[in-house]
N, C-alpha and C. Protein backbone atom coordinates (compact mmCIF):
# COMPACT_ATOMS: atom_id res chain seq x y z
N UNK A 1 135.02 136.76 -111.81
CA UNK A 1 135.85 137.96 -111.76
C UNK A 1 137.32 137.55 -111.67
N UNK A 2 138.15 138.30 -112.34
CA UNK A 2 139.57 137.99 -112.35
C UNK A 2 140.32 138.71 -111.25
N UNK A 3 141.62 138.65 -111.36
CA UNK A 3 142.47 139.31 -110.37
C UNK A 3 143.54 140.15 -111.05
N UNK A 4 143.15 140.78 -112.15
CA UNK A 4 144.09 141.60 -112.88
C UNK A 4 143.77 143.08 -112.81
N UNK A 5 144.66 143.85 -113.40
CA UNK A 5 144.50 145.31 -113.46
C UNK A 5 144.54 145.72 -114.92
N UNK A 6 143.55 146.50 -115.34
CA UNK A 6 143.50 147.03 -116.69
C UNK A 6 143.91 148.49 -116.65
N UNK A 7 144.82 148.89 -117.55
CA UNK A 7 145.26 150.29 -117.62
C UNK A 7 144.73 150.89 -118.92
N UNK A 8 143.90 151.91 -118.78
CA UNK A 8 143.29 152.62 -119.90
C UNK A 8 143.99 153.98 -120.03
N UNK A 9 144.46 154.30 -121.25
CA UNK A 9 145.19 155.56 -121.41
C UNK A 9 145.17 156.01 -122.86
N UNK A 10 145.44 157.28 -123.06
CA UNK A 10 145.61 157.85 -124.39
C UNK A 10 147.12 157.81 -124.72
N UNK A 11 147.47 157.90 -126.01
CA UNK A 11 148.90 157.86 -126.38
C UNK A 11 149.76 158.88 -125.62
N UNK A 12 149.18 160.03 -125.28
CA UNK A 12 149.94 161.06 -124.57
C UNK A 12 150.37 160.59 -123.17
N UNK A 13 149.69 159.62 -122.62
CA UNK A 13 150.01 159.11 -121.29
C UNK A 13 150.73 157.77 -121.33
N UNK A 14 151.23 157.39 -122.51
CA UNK A 14 151.84 156.06 -122.67
C UNK A 14 153.04 155.86 -121.74
N UNK A 15 153.88 156.86 -121.58
CA UNK A 15 155.06 156.72 -120.71
C UNK A 15 154.62 156.43 -119.28
N UNK A 16 153.59 157.12 -118.82
CA UNK A 16 153.06 156.86 -117.47
C UNK A 16 152.47 155.45 -117.39
N UNK A 17 151.71 155.07 -118.41
CA UNK A 17 151.08 153.74 -118.41
C UNK A 17 152.14 152.65 -118.28
N UNK A 18 153.20 152.76 -119.05
CA UNK A 18 154.26 151.75 -119.01
C UNK A 18 155.00 151.78 -117.68
N UNK A 19 155.22 152.95 -117.14
CA UNK A 19 155.89 153.06 -115.85
C UNK A 19 155.05 152.45 -114.73
N UNK A 20 153.75 152.73 -114.75
CA UNK A 20 152.84 152.16 -113.75
C UNK A 20 152.80 150.64 -113.92
N UNK A 21 152.66 150.19 -115.17
CA UNK A 21 152.63 148.74 -115.45
C UNK A 21 153.88 148.06 -114.89
N UNK A 22 155.05 148.62 -115.16
CA UNK A 22 156.29 148.01 -114.72
C UNK A 22 156.38 147.94 -113.20
N UNK A 23 155.94 148.99 -112.52
CA UNK A 23 156.00 148.99 -111.06
C UNK A 23 154.99 148.01 -110.44
N UNK A 24 153.82 147.93 -111.03
CA UNK A 24 152.82 146.99 -110.50
C UNK A 24 153.18 145.55 -110.84
N UNK A 25 153.81 145.32 -111.99
CA UNK A 25 154.24 143.96 -112.34
C UNK A 25 155.31 143.48 -111.38
N UNK A 26 156.12 144.39 -110.86
CA UNK A 26 157.14 144.01 -109.88
C UNK A 26 156.48 143.41 -108.64
N UNK A 27 155.23 143.79 -108.39
CA UNK A 27 154.48 143.23 -107.28
C UNK A 27 153.71 141.98 -107.67
N UNK A 28 154.06 141.39 -108.81
CA UNK A 28 153.49 140.13 -109.29
C UNK A 28 152.01 140.26 -109.62
N UNK A 29 151.61 141.41 -110.12
CA UNK A 29 150.21 141.63 -110.50
C UNK A 29 150.03 141.37 -111.99
N UNK A 30 148.85 140.92 -112.38
CA UNK A 30 148.52 140.72 -113.79
C UNK A 30 148.03 142.04 -114.37
N UNK A 31 148.76 142.57 -115.32
CA UNK A 31 148.45 143.87 -115.89
C UNK A 31 148.05 143.70 -117.36
N UNK A 32 146.96 144.37 -117.75
CA UNK A 32 146.49 144.34 -119.13
C UNK A 32 146.38 145.77 -119.65
N UNK A 33 146.81 145.97 -120.89
CA UNK A 33 146.67 147.27 -121.54
C UNK A 33 146.83 147.05 -123.04
N UNK A 34 146.47 148.05 -123.80
CA UNK A 34 146.63 148.00 -125.26
C UNK A 34 145.81 146.91 -125.94
N UNK A 35 144.54 146.79 -125.58
CA UNK A 35 143.69 145.85 -126.32
C UNK A 35 143.44 146.43 -127.71
N UNK A 36 143.28 145.57 -128.69
CA UNK A 36 143.20 146.01 -130.08
C UNK A 36 141.80 145.98 -130.67
N UNK A 37 140.87 145.26 -130.03
CA UNK A 37 139.52 145.17 -130.60
C UNK A 37 138.52 144.78 -129.52
N UNK A 38 137.24 144.82 -129.87
CA UNK A 38 136.20 144.55 -128.88
C UNK A 38 136.20 143.10 -128.41
N UNK A 39 136.63 142.19 -129.26
CA UNK A 39 136.70 140.78 -128.84
C UNK A 39 137.78 140.60 -127.78
N UNK A 40 138.93 141.21 -128.00
CA UNK A 40 140.01 141.13 -127.01
C UNK A 40 139.60 141.82 -125.71
N UNK A 41 138.93 142.96 -125.82
CA UNK A 41 138.45 143.67 -124.63
C UNK A 41 137.48 142.80 -123.85
N UNK A 42 136.56 142.14 -124.55
CA UNK A 42 135.58 141.27 -123.89
C UNK A 42 136.27 140.09 -123.21
N UNK A 43 137.42 139.66 -123.72
CA UNK A 43 138.17 138.57 -123.11
C UNK A 43 138.97 139.04 -121.89
N UNK A 44 139.54 140.23 -121.99
CA UNK A 44 140.43 140.74 -120.94
C UNK A 44 139.68 141.29 -119.72
N UNK A 45 138.64 142.08 -119.94
CA UNK A 45 137.96 142.74 -118.83
C UNK A 45 137.46 141.79 -117.74
N UNK A 46 136.89 140.64 -118.06
CA UNK A 46 136.45 139.74 -116.98
C UNK A 46 137.60 139.22 -116.11
N UNK A 47 138.82 139.33 -116.61
CA UNK A 47 139.98 138.89 -115.83
C UNK A 47 140.52 139.99 -114.93
N UNK A 48 139.85 141.15 -114.93
CA UNK A 48 140.34 142.30 -114.15
C UNK A 48 139.32 142.69 -113.09
N UNK A 49 139.82 143.01 -111.90
CA UNK A 49 138.94 143.54 -110.87
C UNK A 49 139.29 144.98 -110.54
N UNK A 50 140.34 145.50 -111.19
CA UNK A 50 140.72 146.89 -111.01
C UNK A 50 140.96 147.50 -112.39
N UNK A 51 140.48 148.72 -112.57
CA UNK A 51 140.56 149.40 -113.86
C UNK A 51 141.12 150.80 -113.59
N UNK A 52 142.32 151.07 -114.09
CA UNK A 52 142.96 152.37 -113.90
C UNK A 52 142.78 153.21 -115.17
N UNK A 53 142.27 154.43 -115.01
CA UNK A 53 142.10 155.35 -116.14
C UNK A 53 143.10 156.48 -115.97
N UNK A 54 144.06 156.58 -116.87
CA UNK A 54 145.05 157.64 -116.80
C UNK A 54 144.51 158.89 -117.49
N UNK A 55 144.49 159.99 -116.75
CA UNK A 55 143.92 161.25 -117.25
C UNK A 55 145.00 162.32 -117.25
N UNK A 56 145.37 162.75 -118.46
CA UNK A 56 146.37 163.80 -118.62
C UNK A 56 145.71 165.18 -118.66
N UNK A 57 146.53 166.20 -118.85
CA UNK A 57 146.04 167.58 -118.80
C UNK A 57 144.95 167.89 -119.81
N UNK A 58 145.05 167.36 -121.02
CA UNK A 58 144.05 167.66 -122.06
C UNK A 58 143.16 166.46 -122.36
N UNK A 59 143.05 165.54 -121.43
CA UNK A 59 142.32 164.30 -121.64
C UNK A 59 140.88 164.52 -122.08
N UNK A 60 140.16 165.37 -121.38
CA UNK A 60 138.74 165.58 -121.68
C UNK A 60 138.53 166.28 -123.02
N UNK A 61 139.52 167.04 -123.46
CA UNK A 61 139.37 167.81 -124.70
C UNK A 61 140.23 167.30 -125.85
N UNK A 62 140.83 166.14 -125.70
CA UNK A 62 141.66 165.59 -126.77
C UNK A 62 140.82 165.41 -128.03
N UNK A 63 141.40 165.78 -129.18
CA UNK A 63 140.67 165.75 -130.46
C UNK A 63 141.38 164.85 -131.46
N UNK A 64 140.61 164.41 -132.45
CA UNK A 64 141.18 163.63 -133.55
C UNK A 64 141.72 164.58 -134.60
N UNK A 65 142.13 164.04 -135.75
CA UNK A 65 142.72 164.87 -136.81
C UNK A 65 141.72 165.83 -137.44
N UNK A 66 140.41 165.62 -137.21
CA UNK A 66 139.37 166.52 -137.74
C UNK A 66 138.87 167.50 -136.68
N UNK A 67 139.61 167.59 -135.58
CA UNK A 67 139.28 168.47 -134.46
C UNK A 67 137.97 168.09 -133.77
N UNK A 68 137.56 166.85 -133.89
CA UNK A 68 136.37 166.35 -133.18
C UNK A 68 136.85 165.77 -131.85
N UNK A 69 136.18 166.16 -130.78
CA UNK A 69 136.58 165.69 -129.46
C UNK A 69 136.43 164.16 -129.38
N UNK A 70 137.49 163.48 -128.96
CA UNK A 70 137.51 162.02 -128.95
C UNK A 70 136.44 161.42 -128.05
N UNK A 71 136.21 162.00 -126.87
CA UNK A 71 135.21 161.45 -125.95
C UNK A 71 133.80 161.48 -126.53
N UNK A 72 133.56 162.34 -127.51
CA UNK A 72 132.24 162.40 -128.13
C UNK A 72 132.05 161.33 -129.20
N UNK A 73 133.13 160.63 -129.55
CA UNK A 73 133.08 159.58 -130.56
C UNK A 73 132.79 158.24 -129.87
N UNK A 74 131.66 157.64 -130.18
CA UNK A 74 131.29 156.37 -129.53
C UNK A 74 132.23 155.22 -129.91
N UNK A 75 133.12 155.45 -130.88
CA UNK A 75 134.10 154.43 -131.29
C UNK A 75 135.49 154.70 -130.70
N UNK A 76 135.61 155.71 -129.88
CA UNK A 76 136.89 156.03 -129.23
C UNK A 76 137.20 154.92 -128.23
N UNK A 77 138.41 154.33 -128.34
CA UNK A 77 138.74 153.18 -127.49
C UNK A 77 138.78 153.53 -126.01
N UNK A 78 139.27 154.68 -125.65
CA UNK A 78 139.29 155.06 -124.23
C UNK A 78 137.86 155.12 -123.70
N UNK A 79 136.98 155.73 -124.44
CA UNK A 79 135.57 155.82 -124.03
C UNK A 79 134.95 154.41 -123.93
N UNK A 80 135.20 153.57 -124.93
CA UNK A 80 134.64 152.22 -124.93
C UNK A 80 135.11 151.44 -123.71
N UNK A 81 136.41 151.52 -123.41
CA UNK A 81 136.96 150.79 -122.26
C UNK A 81 136.32 151.28 -120.97
N UNK A 82 136.18 152.59 -120.81
CA UNK A 82 135.56 153.13 -119.59
C UNK A 82 134.10 152.72 -119.50
N UNK A 83 133.37 152.79 -120.60
CA UNK A 83 131.97 152.35 -120.62
C UNK A 83 131.84 150.92 -120.14
N UNK A 84 132.68 150.05 -120.67
CA UNK A 84 132.63 148.64 -120.30
C UNK A 84 132.94 148.44 -118.82
N UNK A 85 133.93 149.16 -118.31
CA UNK A 85 134.28 149.04 -116.89
C UNK A 85 133.15 149.55 -116.00
N UNK A 86 132.50 150.64 -116.41
CA UNK A 86 131.40 151.19 -115.61
C UNK A 86 130.19 150.28 -115.58
N UNK A 87 130.03 149.43 -116.59
CA UNK A 87 128.90 148.50 -116.63
C UNK A 87 129.04 147.39 -115.59
N UNK A 88 130.25 147.15 -115.14
CA UNK A 88 130.50 146.06 -114.20
C UNK A 88 130.52 146.58 -112.77
N UNK A 89 129.75 145.94 -111.91
CA UNK A 89 129.71 146.34 -110.50
C UNK A 89 130.87 145.77 -109.70
N UNK A 90 131.57 144.79 -110.27
CA UNK A 90 132.64 144.13 -109.54
C UNK A 90 134.03 144.68 -109.89
N UNK A 91 134.08 145.82 -110.54
CA UNK A 91 135.36 146.42 -110.92
C UNK A 91 135.59 147.69 -110.12
N UNK A 92 136.77 147.80 -109.57
CA UNK A 92 137.15 149.05 -108.90
C UNK A 92 137.80 149.94 -109.95
N UNK A 93 137.11 151.02 -110.33
CA UNK A 93 137.60 151.95 -111.34
C UNK A 93 138.26 153.13 -110.64
N UNK A 94 139.54 153.32 -110.90
CA UNK A 94 140.31 154.38 -110.24
C UNK A 94 140.90 155.31 -111.29
N UNK A 95 140.41 156.55 -111.37
CA UNK A 95 141.01 157.52 -112.30
C UNK A 95 142.30 158.10 -111.69
N UNK A 96 143.35 158.13 -112.50
CA UNK A 96 144.64 158.67 -112.06
C UNK A 96 144.90 159.99 -112.77
N UNK A 97 145.05 161.05 -112.01
CA UNK A 97 145.33 162.38 -112.58
C UNK A 97 146.84 162.53 -112.74
N UNK A 98 147.28 162.63 -113.98
CA UNK A 98 148.69 162.65 -114.32
C UNK A 98 149.23 164.08 -114.30
N UNK A 99 150.32 164.28 -113.56
CA UNK A 99 151.02 165.57 -113.53
C UNK A 99 150.08 166.76 -113.32
N UNK A 100 149.32 166.72 -112.25
CA UNK A 100 148.44 167.83 -111.89
C UNK A 100 147.30 168.07 -112.89
N UNK A 101 146.95 167.06 -113.66
CA UNK A 101 145.81 167.21 -114.58
C UNK A 101 144.54 167.44 -113.76
N UNK A 102 143.64 168.25 -114.25
CA UNK A 102 142.39 168.48 -113.52
C UNK A 102 141.44 167.28 -113.70
N UNK A 103 140.65 167.03 -112.69
CA UNK A 103 139.61 166.00 -112.81
C UNK A 103 138.58 166.49 -113.81
N UNK A 104 138.13 165.62 -114.70
CA UNK A 104 137.11 166.07 -115.66
C UNK A 104 135.81 166.42 -114.95
N UNK A 105 135.20 167.50 -115.38
CA UNK A 105 133.91 167.90 -114.81
C UNK A 105 132.82 167.02 -115.40
N UNK A 106 131.79 166.78 -114.64
CA UNK A 106 130.72 165.89 -115.10
C UNK A 106 130.12 166.37 -116.42
N UNK A 107 130.01 167.69 -116.61
CA UNK A 107 129.43 168.21 -117.85
C UNK A 107 130.36 168.03 -119.05
N UNK A 108 131.63 167.73 -118.82
CA UNK A 108 132.56 167.46 -119.91
C UNK A 108 132.48 166.02 -120.42
N UNK A 109 131.84 165.16 -119.64
CA UNK A 109 131.80 163.73 -119.97
C UNK A 109 130.53 163.35 -120.71
N UNK A 110 130.63 162.48 -121.71
CA UNK A 110 129.42 161.97 -122.36
C UNK A 110 128.59 161.19 -121.34
N UNK A 111 127.30 161.10 -121.57
CA UNK A 111 126.41 160.41 -120.64
C UNK A 111 126.89 159.01 -120.29
N UNK A 112 127.41 158.29 -121.28
CA UNK A 112 127.82 156.90 -121.07
C UNK A 112 128.95 156.74 -120.06
N UNK A 113 129.73 157.81 -119.82
CA UNK A 113 130.84 157.68 -118.86
C UNK A 113 130.79 158.73 -117.74
N UNK A 114 129.64 159.33 -117.52
CA UNK A 114 129.51 160.31 -116.44
C UNK A 114 129.84 159.70 -115.06
N UNK A 115 129.65 158.40 -114.93
CA UNK A 115 129.97 157.72 -113.67
C UNK A 115 131.42 157.87 -113.27
N UNK A 116 132.29 158.15 -114.23
CA UNK A 116 133.71 158.37 -113.93
C UNK A 116 133.90 159.54 -112.98
N UNK A 117 133.06 160.56 -113.10
CA UNK A 117 133.19 161.77 -112.28
C UNK A 117 132.95 161.50 -110.79
N UNK A 118 132.32 160.38 -110.47
CA UNK A 118 131.98 160.07 -109.07
C UNK A 118 132.99 159.13 -108.42
N UNK A 119 134.08 158.87 -109.08
CA UNK A 119 135.10 157.97 -108.54
C UNK A 119 136.15 158.75 -107.77
N UNK A 120 136.90 158.02 -106.94
CA UNK A 120 137.98 158.64 -106.17
C UNK A 120 139.19 158.83 -107.09
N UNK A 121 139.57 160.08 -107.32
CA UNK A 121 140.71 160.38 -108.18
C UNK A 121 141.99 160.32 -107.35
N UNK A 122 143.05 159.86 -107.99
CA UNK A 122 144.36 159.76 -107.34
C UNK A 122 145.36 160.53 -108.19
N UNK A 123 146.13 161.40 -107.57
CA UNK A 123 147.14 162.17 -108.29
C UNK A 123 148.43 161.37 -108.36
N UNK A 124 149.09 161.47 -109.53
CA UNK A 124 150.34 160.74 -109.73
C UNK A 124 151.25 161.58 -110.62
N UNK A 125 152.56 161.59 -110.32
CA UNK A 125 153.50 162.35 -111.14
C UNK A 125 154.83 161.60 -111.20
N UNK A 126 155.62 161.90 -112.22
CA UNK A 126 156.89 161.21 -112.39
C UNK A 126 157.85 161.43 -111.23
N UNK A 127 158.01 162.66 -110.72
CA UNK A 127 158.98 162.83 -109.63
C UNK A 127 158.67 161.98 -108.39
N UNK A 128 157.40 161.70 -108.16
CA UNK A 128 157.02 160.94 -106.96
C UNK A 128 156.31 159.63 -107.31
N UNK A 129 156.61 159.07 -108.48
CA UNK A 129 155.83 157.92 -108.96
C UNK A 129 155.93 156.71 -108.03
N UNK A 130 157.10 156.45 -107.47
CA UNK A 130 157.22 155.29 -106.57
C UNK A 130 156.34 155.48 -105.33
N UNK A 131 156.40 156.66 -104.75
CA UNK A 131 155.55 156.97 -103.59
C UNK A 131 154.07 156.92 -103.98
N UNK A 132 153.73 157.49 -105.14
CA UNK A 132 152.34 157.51 -105.59
C UNK A 132 151.80 156.10 -105.82
N UNK A 133 152.63 155.23 -106.37
CA UNK A 133 152.21 153.83 -106.58
C UNK A 133 151.97 153.16 -105.24
N UNK A 134 152.80 153.42 -104.26
CA UNK A 134 152.60 152.83 -102.93
C UNK A 134 151.29 153.32 -102.31
N UNK A 135 150.90 154.55 -102.58
CA UNK A 135 149.61 155.06 -102.09
C UNK A 135 148.45 154.44 -102.86
N UNK A 136 148.69 154.09 -104.12
CA UNK A 136 147.65 153.51 -104.97
C UNK A 136 147.35 152.06 -104.58
N UNK A 137 148.35 151.32 -104.21
CA UNK A 137 148.18 149.89 -103.95
C UNK A 137 147.06 149.58 -102.97
N UNK A 138 146.91 150.28 -101.84
CA UNK A 138 145.79 149.95 -100.94
C UNK A 138 144.41 150.17 -101.57
N UNK A 139 144.33 151.01 -102.58
CA UNK A 139 143.05 151.24 -103.25
C UNK A 139 142.68 150.09 -104.19
N UNK A 140 143.67 149.33 -104.57
CA UNK A 140 143.42 148.19 -105.45
C UNK A 140 142.86 147.06 -104.59
N UNK A 141 141.85 146.38 -105.09
CA UNK A 141 141.13 145.36 -104.30
C UNK A 141 142.01 144.25 -103.76
N UNK A 142 142.97 143.80 -104.50
CA UNK A 142 143.78 142.68 -104.05
C UNK A 142 145.23 142.92 -104.42
N UNK A 143 146.09 142.34 -103.63
CA UNK A 143 147.51 142.32 -103.95
C UNK A 143 147.97 140.89 -103.69
N UNK A 144 148.49 140.25 -104.71
CA UNK A 144 148.97 138.88 -104.55
C UNK A 144 150.35 138.93 -103.95
N UNK A 145 150.55 138.24 -102.84
CA UNK A 145 151.89 138.26 -102.25
C UNK A 145 152.89 137.59 -103.18
N UNK A 146 154.10 138.08 -103.22
CA UNK A 146 155.11 137.45 -104.06
C UNK A 146 155.28 135.99 -103.67
N UNK A 147 155.56 135.15 -104.65
CA UNK A 147 155.67 133.71 -104.42
C UNK A 147 156.74 133.39 -103.38
N UNK A 148 157.85 134.14 -103.36
CA UNK A 148 158.90 133.86 -102.40
C UNK A 148 158.41 134.10 -100.98
N UNK A 149 157.58 135.12 -100.77
CA UNK A 149 157.03 135.38 -99.45
C UNK A 149 156.12 134.24 -99.02
N UNK A 150 155.29 133.74 -99.93
CA UNK A 150 154.42 132.61 -99.60
C UNK A 150 155.24 131.40 -99.24
N UNK A 151 156.26 131.07 -100.05
CA UNK A 151 157.09 129.90 -99.78
C UNK A 151 157.82 130.05 -98.45
N UNK A 152 158.35 131.24 -98.18
CA UNK A 152 159.06 131.46 -96.93
C UNK A 152 158.13 131.28 -95.75
N UNK A 153 156.91 131.82 -95.84
CA UNK A 153 155.93 131.66 -94.76
C UNK A 153 155.61 130.19 -94.54
N UNK A 154 155.38 129.45 -95.63
CA UNK A 154 155.08 128.02 -95.51
C UNK A 154 156.25 127.26 -94.90
N UNK A 155 157.47 127.61 -95.26
CA UNK A 155 158.65 126.95 -94.69
C UNK A 155 158.74 127.19 -93.19
N UNK A 156 158.47 128.41 -92.76
CA UNK A 156 158.52 128.71 -91.32
C UNK A 156 157.46 127.92 -90.56
N UNK A 157 156.28 127.83 -91.12
CA UNK A 157 155.20 127.08 -90.46
C UNK A 157 155.59 125.61 -90.34
N UNK A 158 156.12 125.03 -91.41
CA UNK A 158 156.54 123.63 -91.38
C UNK A 158 157.67 123.44 -90.38
N UNK A 159 158.63 124.34 -90.36
CA UNK A 159 159.74 124.26 -89.41
C UNK A 159 159.24 124.30 -87.97
N UNK A 160 158.32 125.19 -87.68
CA UNK A 160 157.78 125.30 -86.32
C UNK A 160 157.05 124.02 -85.94
N UNK A 161 156.27 123.47 -86.85
CA UNK A 161 155.55 122.22 -86.56
C UNK A 161 156.54 121.09 -86.29
N UNK A 162 157.60 120.98 -87.10
CA UNK A 162 158.60 119.93 -86.90
C UNK A 162 159.30 120.10 -85.55
N UNK A 163 159.68 121.31 -85.20
CA UNK A 163 160.34 121.55 -83.92
C UNK A 163 159.42 121.18 -82.76
N UNK A 164 158.16 121.56 -82.83
CA UNK A 164 157.21 121.22 -81.77
C UNK A 164 157.04 119.71 -81.66
N UNK A 165 156.94 119.02 -82.79
CA UNK A 165 156.80 117.56 -82.76
C UNK A 165 158.04 116.89 -82.17
N UNK A 166 159.21 117.35 -82.53
CA UNK A 166 160.45 116.80 -81.95
C UNK A 166 160.48 117.04 -80.46
N UNK A 167 160.12 118.24 -80.05
CA UNK A 167 160.09 118.57 -78.63
C UNK A 167 159.12 117.64 -77.88
N UNK A 168 157.93 117.44 -78.44
CA UNK A 168 156.95 116.56 -77.81
C UNK A 168 157.45 115.12 -77.75
N UNK A 169 158.08 114.66 -78.81
CA UNK A 169 158.63 113.30 -78.80
C UNK A 169 159.72 113.14 -77.74
N UNK A 170 160.57 114.14 -77.64
CA UNK A 170 161.63 114.10 -76.63
C UNK A 170 161.04 114.12 -75.21
N UNK A 171 160.03 114.92 -75.02
CA UNK A 171 159.40 115.02 -73.70
C UNK A 171 158.74 113.69 -73.32
N UNK A 172 158.05 113.08 -74.25
CA UNK A 172 157.37 111.83 -73.94
C UNK A 172 158.36 110.68 -73.80
N UNK A 173 159.47 110.70 -74.54
CA UNK A 173 160.46 109.63 -74.42
C UNK A 173 161.22 109.73 -73.10
N UNK A 174 161.43 110.94 -72.59
CA UNK A 174 162.11 111.14 -71.30
C UNK A 174 161.24 110.66 -70.14
N UNK A 175 159.95 110.76 -70.27
CA UNK A 175 159.05 110.35 -69.21
C UNK A 175 158.79 108.85 -69.21
N UNK A 176 159.16 108.12 -70.26
CA UNK A 176 158.91 106.69 -70.32
C UNK A 176 159.94 105.92 -69.51
N UNK A 177 161.08 106.43 -69.24
CA UNK A 177 162.13 105.71 -68.48
C UNK A 177 161.96 105.91 -67.05
């Protein structure tokens, strides 16, 4: 299992997807989105332990140019990505409701992705996106600390050890005379 985050979205939610990606990347997270084919998806998904599904207002009823509902098409990329994520037990799948979008009802979902309806939905909107992202982070399985924080922590530990050793050396040298 990897330590990345996959963002699944329709073109209508692209601005949100990019905004979420940019904010999570600032936290030094590995973000994946916009896979182009099943081979790339098969390569990327194992590197992710969190899968975010962005759901806009018309997500469940979005249609193609022939007015066929996209979720009913087994070749729809959003559906394929969700199906693949639901097959894995080691992925935390978090649906994000964009701008007060309603959670899809179980009867609106094809059988292959009905499991989405049983996940914890998180609301997110542009006016409060920074706050919403901060609420989202604890739901994500892991957060890698920024490298500077790790280095600073290691430096403090080394400094404390050096100070203690110097103190002990001084104490033992004073007692030898």
